[in-house]
C-alpha atoms as a PDB file:
ATOM      1  CA  MET A   1      41.279  -7.345 -41.404  1.00  0.00           C
ATOM      2  CA  LYS A   2      38.455  -7.109 -43.892  1.00  0.00           C
ATOM      3  CA  SER A   3      36.745 -10.270 -42.536  1.00  0.00           C
ATOM      4  CA  GLN A   4      36.657  -8.819 -38.994  1.00  0.00           C
ATOM      5  CA  PHE A   5      34.941  -5.710 -40.300  1.00  0.00           C
ATOM      6  CA  SER A   6      32.314  -7.708 -42.177  1.00  0.00           C
ATOM      7  CA  VAL A   7      31.557  -9.854 -39.101  1.00  0.00           C
ATOM      8  CA  SER A   8      31.169  -6.825 -36.823  1.00  0.00           C
ATOM      9  CA  SER A   9      29.127  -4.927 -39.392  1.00  0.00           C
ATOM     10  CA  SER A  10      26.856  -7.953 -39.790  1.00  0.00           C
ATOM     11  CA  LEU A  11      26.355  -8.079 -36.001  1.00  0.00           C
ATOM     12  CA  PHE A  12      25.395  -4.434 -35.834  1.00  0.00           C
ATOM     13  CA  PRO A  13      21.762  -4.965 -36.988  1.00  0.00           C
ATOM     14  CA  VAL A  14      21.366  -7.839 -34.489  1.00  0.00           C
ATOM     15  CA  ILE A  15      22.764  -5.795 -31.601  1.00  0.00           C
ATOM     16  CA  ALA A  16      20.678  -2.768 -32.586  1.00  0.00           C
ATOM     17  CA  GLY A  17      17.586  -4.988 -32.723  1.00  0.00           C
ATOM     18  CA  VAL A  18      18.246  -6.415 -29.280  1.00  0.00           C
ATOM     19  CA  VAL A  19      18.755  -2.927 -27.832  1.00  0.00           C
ATOM     20  CA  ILE A  20      15.499  -1.712 -29.392  1.00  0.00           C
ATOM     21  CA  VAL A  21      13.557  -4.724 -28.042  1.00  0.00           C
ATOM     22  CA  VAL A  22      14.977  -4.188 -24.542  1.00  0.00           C
ATOM     23  CA  LEU A  23      14.124  -0.471 -24.568  1.00  0.00           C
ATOM     24  CA  LEU A  24      10.599  -1.140 -25.830  1.00  0.00           C
ATOM     25  CA  SER A  25      10.098  -3.810 -23.163  1.00  0.00           C
ATOM     26  CA  LEU A  26      11.145  -1.389 -20.442  1.00  0.00           C
ATOM     27  CA  ASN A  27       8.741   1.260 -21.736  1.00  0.00           C
ATOM     28  CA  ILE A  28       5.879  -1.254 -21.915  1.00  0.00           C
ATOM     29  CA  ALA A  29       6.587  -2.460 -18.364  1.00  0.00           C
ATOM     30  CA  ARG A  30       6.695   1.144 -17.133  1.00  0.00           C
ATOM     31  CA  ALA A  31       3.395   1.926 -18.898  1.00  0.00           C
ATOM     32  CA  GLN A  32       1.748  -1.205 -17.475  1.00  0.00           C
ATOM     33  CA  SER A  33       2.933  -0.311 -13.976  1.00  0.00           C
ATOM     34  CA  SER A  34       1.546   3.221 -14.350  1.00  0.00           C
ATOM     35  CA  SER A  35      -1.720   1.870 -15.750  1.00  0.00           C
ATOM     36  CA  GLY A  36      -1.921  -0.635 -12.871  1.00  0.00           C
ATOM     37  CA  ALA A  37      -1.362   2.116 -10.313  1.00  0.00           C
ATOM     38  CA  ASP A  38      -4.092   4.181 -12.001  1.00  0.00           C
ATOM     39  CA  THR A  39      -6.455   1.192 -11.775  1.00  0.00           C
ATOM     40  CA  LEU A  40      -5.776   0.872  -8.044  1.00  0.00           C
ATOM     41  CA  ARG A  41      -6.250   4.617  -7.457  1.00  0.00           C
ATOM     42  CA  LYS A  42      -9.606   4.448  -9.254  1.00  0.00           C
ATOM     43  CA  LEU A  43     -10.599   1.435  -7.147  1.00  0.00           C
ATOM     44  CA  GLU A  44      -9.703   3.350  -3.985  1.00  0.00           C
ATOM     45  CA  ALA A  45     -11.837   6.322  -5.084  1.00  0.00           C
ATOM     46  CA  ASP A  46     -14.803   4.046  -5.857  1.00  0.00           C
ATOM     47  CA  PHE A  47     -14.269   2.199  -2.561  1.00  0.00           C
ATOM     48  CA  LEU A  48     -14.336   5.475  -0.597  1.00  0.00           C
ATOM     49  CA  LYS A  49     -17.483   6.618  -2.417  1.00  0.00           C
ATOM     50  CA  ALA A  50     -19.254   3.301  -1.706  1.00  0.00           C
ATOM     51  CA  ALA A  51     -18.373   3.540   1.991  1.00  0.00           C
ATOM     52  CA  ALA A  52     -19.573   7.164   2.196  1.00  0.00           C
ATOM     53  CA  GLU A  53     -22.854   6.438   0.417  1.00  0.00           C
ATOM     54  CA  LYS A  54     -23.708   2.967   1.741  1.00  0.00           C
ATOM     55  CA  GLY A  55     -21.852   2.654   5.041  1.00  0.00           C
ATOM     56  CA  SER A  56     -20.604  -0.765   6.036  1.00  0.00           C
ATOM     57  CA  GLN A  57     -22.329  -2.518   3.115  1.00  0.00           C
ATOM     58  CA  GLY A  58     -20.595  -0.260   0.599  1.00  0.00           C
ATOM     59  CA  TYR A  59     -17.294  -0.667   2.407  1.00  0.00           C
ATOM     60  CA  MET A  60     -17.525  -4.452   2.594  1.00  0.00           C
ATOM     61  CA  SER A  61     -18.512  -4.749  -1.076  1.00  0.00           C
ATOM     62  CA  TYR A  62     -14.818  -4.207  -1.866  1.00  0.00           C
ATOM     63  CA  TYR A  63     -13.592  -7.081   0.324  1.00  0.00           C
ATOM     64  CA  ALA A  64     -12.826 -10.608  -0.896  1.00  0.00           C
ATOM     65  CA  GLU A  65     -14.544 -13.501   0.868  1.00  0.00           C
ATOM     66  CA  ASP A  66     -11.192 -14.669   2.282  1.00  0.00           C
ATOM     67  CA  ALA A  67      -9.939 -11.203   3.253  1.00  0.00           C
ATOM     68  CA  VAL A  68      -7.888 -10.549   6.379  1.00  0.00           C
ATOM     69  CA  GLU A  69      -8.090  -7.407   8.500  1.00  0.00           C
ATOM     70  CA  LEU A  70      -5.157  -6.469  10.737  1.00  0.00           C
ATOM     71  CA  PRO A  71      -6.621  -3.825  13.066  1.00  0.00           C
ATOM     72  CA  ASN A  72      -4.523  -1.551  15.243  1.00  0.00           C
ATOM     73  CA  GLY A  73      -3.954  -3.074  18.671  1.00  0.00           C
ATOM     74  CA  ALA A  74      -6.369  -5.963  18.149  1.00  0.00           C
ATOM     75  CA  ASP A  75      -6.402  -9.547  16.964  1.00  0.00           C
ATOM     76  CA  MET A  76      -6.403 -10.397  13.278  1.00  0.00           C
ATOM     77  CA  ILE A  77      -9.873 -10.853  11.743  1.00  0.00           C
ATOM     78  CA  GLN A  78     -10.228 -13.489   9.017  1.00  0.00           C
ATOM     79  CA  GLY A  79     -13.006 -13.683   6.461  1.00  0.00           C
ATOM     80  CA  LYS A  80     -15.348 -11.088   5.003  1.00  0.00           C
ATOM     81  CA  GLU A  81     -18.254 -12.127   7.224  1.00  0.00           C
ATOM     82  CA  SER A  82     -16.195 -11.699  10.416  1.00  0.00           C
ATOM     83  CA  ILE A  83     -14.735  -8.395   9.246  1.00  0.00           C
ATOM     84  CA  ALA A  84     -18.225  -7.081   8.423  1.00  0.00           C
ATOM     85  CA  LYS A  85     -19.259  -7.562  12.058  1.00  0.00           C
ATOM     86  CA  SER A  86     -16.608  -5.052  13.105  1.00  0.00           C
ATOM     87  CA  MET A  87     -17.636  -2.408  10.541  1.00  0.00           C
ATOM     88  CA  SER A  88     -21.157  -1.515  11.703  1.00  0.00           C
ATOM     89  CA  PHE A  89     -19.768   1.739  13.142  1.00  0.00           C
ATOM     90  CA  LEU A  90     -19.752   3.004   9.527  1.00  0.00           C
ATOM     91  CA  ASP A  91     -23.571   2.966   9.599  1.00  0.00           C
ATOM     92  CA  GLN A  92     -23.803   5.523  12.414  1.00  0.00           C
ATOM     93  CA  LYS A  93     -24.597   8.996  11.092  1.00  0.00           C
ATOM     94  CA  ASP A  94     -21.968  10.763  13.222  1.00  0.00           C
ATOM     95  CA  ASN A  95     -19.150   8.516  11.989  1.00  0.00           C
ATOM     96  CA  GLN A  96     -17.206   9.285   8.848  1.00  0.00           C
ATOM     97  CA  LEU A  97     -14.161   7.359   7.632  1.00  0.00           C
ATOM     98  CA  THR A  98     -12.150   8.888   4.794  1.00  0.00           C
ATOM     99  CA  TRP A  99      -8.783   7.951   3.385  1.00  0.00           C
ATOM    100  CA  THR A 100      -6.285   9.207   0.855  1.00  0.00           C
ATOM    101  CA  PRO A 101      -4.022   6.815  -1.034  1.00  0.00           C
ATOM    102  CA  LEU A 102      -0.490   8.194  -1.242  1.00  0.00           C
ATOM    103  CA  HIS A 103       0.956   5.374  -3.341  1.00  0.00           C
ATOM    104  CA  ALA A 104      -0.297   2.528  -5.496  1.00  0.00           C
ATOM    105  CA  ASP A 105       1.621  -0.173  -7.328  1.00  0.00           C
ATOM    106  CA  MET A 106       0.750  -3.341  -9.190  1.00  0.00           C
ATOM    107  CA  ALA A 107       2.717  -6.523  -9.806  1.00  0.00           C
ATOM    108  CA  ALA A 108       3.956  -7.103 -13.351  1.00  0.00           C
ATOM    109  CA  SER A 109       1.537 -10.050 -13.513  1.00  0.00           C
ATOM    110  CA  GLY A 110      -1.340  -7.553 -13.300  1.00  0.00           C
ATOM    111  CA  ASP A 111      -3.309  -9.549 -10.730  1.00  0.00           C
ATOM    112  CA  LEU A 112      -2.010  -8.225  -7.408  1.00  0.00           C
ATOM    113  CA  GLY A 113      -1.398  -4.710  -6.146  1.00  0.00           C
ATOM    114  CA  TYR A 114      -1.208  -2.583  -3.050  1.00  0.00           C
ATOM    115  CA  THR A 115      -2.043   0.898  -1.865  1.00  0.00           C
ATOM    116  CA  PHE A 116      -1.084   2.838   1.217  1.00  0.00           C
ATOM    117  CA  GLY A 117      -1.964   6.216   2.583  1.00  0.00           C
ATOM    118  CA  THR A 118      -3.558   8.109   5.429  1.00  0.00           C
ATOM    119  CA  TYR A 119      -7.019   8.072   6.960  1.00  0.00           C
ATOM    120  CA  GLU A 120      -9.248  10.194   9.174  1.00  0.00           C
ATOM    121  CA  PHE A 121     -12.087   8.935  11.296  1.00  0.00           C
ATOM    122  CA  ARG A 122     -14.509  11.621  12.439  1.00  0.00           C
ATOM    123  CA  SER A 123     -17.108  10.930  15.111  1.00  0.00           C
ATOM    124  CA  LYS A 124     -18.529  12.358  18.314  1.00  0.00           C
ATOM    125  CA  ASP A 125     -17.513  11.448  21.834  1.00  0.00           C
ATOM    126  CA  LYS A 126     -19.974  10.464  24.588  1.00  0.00           C
ATOM    127  CA  ASP A 127     -20.649  14.166  25.259  1.00  0.00           C
ATOM    128  CA  GLY A 128     -21.437  14.857  21.601  1.00  0.00           C
ATOM    129  CA  LYS A 129     -18.203  16.731  20.917  1.00  0.00           C
ATOM    130  CA  PRO A 130     -16.546  16.122  17.537  1.00  0.00           C
ATOM    131  CA  THR A 131     -13.433  13.943  17.560  1.00  0.00           C
ATOM    132  CA  VAL A 132     -10.940  13.108  14.839  1.00  0.00           C
ATOM    133  CA  GLU A 133      -8.585  10.144  14.778  1.00  0.00           C
ATOM    134  CA  TYR A 134      -5.735  10.005  12.279  1.00  0.00           C
ATOM    135  CA  GLY A 135      -3.850   7.038  10.933  1.00  0.00           C
ATOM    136  CA  LYS A 136      -2.156   5.295   8.078  1.00  0.00           C
ATOM    137  CA  TYR A 137      -3.170   2.186   6.183  1.00  0.00           C
ATOM    138  CA  ALA A 138      -2.027  -0.370   3.652  1.00  0.00           C
ATOM    139  CA  SER A 139      -4.326  -2.509   1.506  1.00  0.00           C
ATOM    140  CA  VAL A 140      -3.498  -5.449  -0.734  1.00  0.00           C
ATOM    141  CA  TRP A 141      -5.755  -5.856  -3.780  1.00  0.00           C
ATOM    142  CA  LYS A 142      -6.191  -9.055  -5.783  1.00  0.00           C
ATOM    143  CA  LYS A 143      -7.899  -9.577  -9.103  1.00  0.00           C
ATOM    144  CA  GLN A 144     -10.690 -12.115  -8.678  1.00  0.00           C
ATOM    145  CA  LYS A 145     -11.666 -14.926 -11.057  1.00  0.00           C
ATOM    146  CA  ASP A 146     -14.556 -12.803 -12.364  1.00  0.00           C
ATOM    147  CA  GLY A 147     -12.142  -9.946 -13.233  1.00  0.00           C
ATOM    148  CA  SER A 148     -13.158  -7.701 -10.333  1.00  0.00           C
ATOM    149  CA  TRP A 149     -10.663  -6.378  -7.806  1.00  0.00           C
ATOM    150  CA  LYS A 150     -11.090  -6.980  -4.071  1.00  0.00           C
ATOM    151  CA  VAL A 151      -9.165  -6.155  -0.918  1.00  0.00           C
ATOM    152  CA  VAL A 152      -7.561  -9.346   0.421  1.00  0.00           C
ATOM    153  CA  MET A 153      -5.661  -7.732   3.279  1.00  0.00           C
ATOM    154  CA  ASP A 154      -6.095  -4.412   5.023  1.00  0.00           C
ATOM    155  CA  MET A 155      -4.289  -2.910   7.966  1.00  0.00           C
ATOM    156  CA  GLY A 156      -4.224   0.423   9.683  1.00  0.00           C
ATOM    157  CA  ASN A 157      -2.729   2.052  12.723  1.00  0.00           C
ATOM    158  CA  ALA A 158      -3.072   5.330  14.530  1.00  0.00           C
ATOM    159  CA  SER A 159      -0.933   8.387  13.860  1.00  0.00           C
ATOM    160  CA  PRO A 160      -0.569  11.639  15.732  1.00  0.00           C
ATOM    161  CA  SER A 161      -2.555  14.627  14.464  1.00  0.00           C
ATOM    162  CA  PRO A 162      -0.944  16.164  11.375  1.00  0.00           C
ATOM    163  CA  LYS A 163       0.989  19.341  12.051  1.00  0.00           C
END
């Protein structure tokens, strides 16, 4: 009976150590995920600011060269150069695209993440009356070789007006 007690009491420090390592690992992973989400939210804020201040050039500065755009009701657009051709509407003074990320998450590897949220596009119709289109979007972000983050895939589709 005494030998069983000494074996189990000698395992206690090992088991306690394993439990502590597991709990610490979970906390580190949770902190990294939160930090990754914060990084993506900051990128989204900077992206929005660049688009507002510099139009299509600011917007496209956040796209990777091999990015893919999946526009609502239209064919897929591949490559930054091709996508840029469809974004000139951002340079018109009456057009304003804004978006709000509702969620951000990053892979445990720290080199890939995604955001999704809602957007509004404000413009004027052919008679000069203000119009607003609403929608939702999802963007996939990838860390580039130089350490910067770029959008590698973006998609959006229309939504009814919020109530």
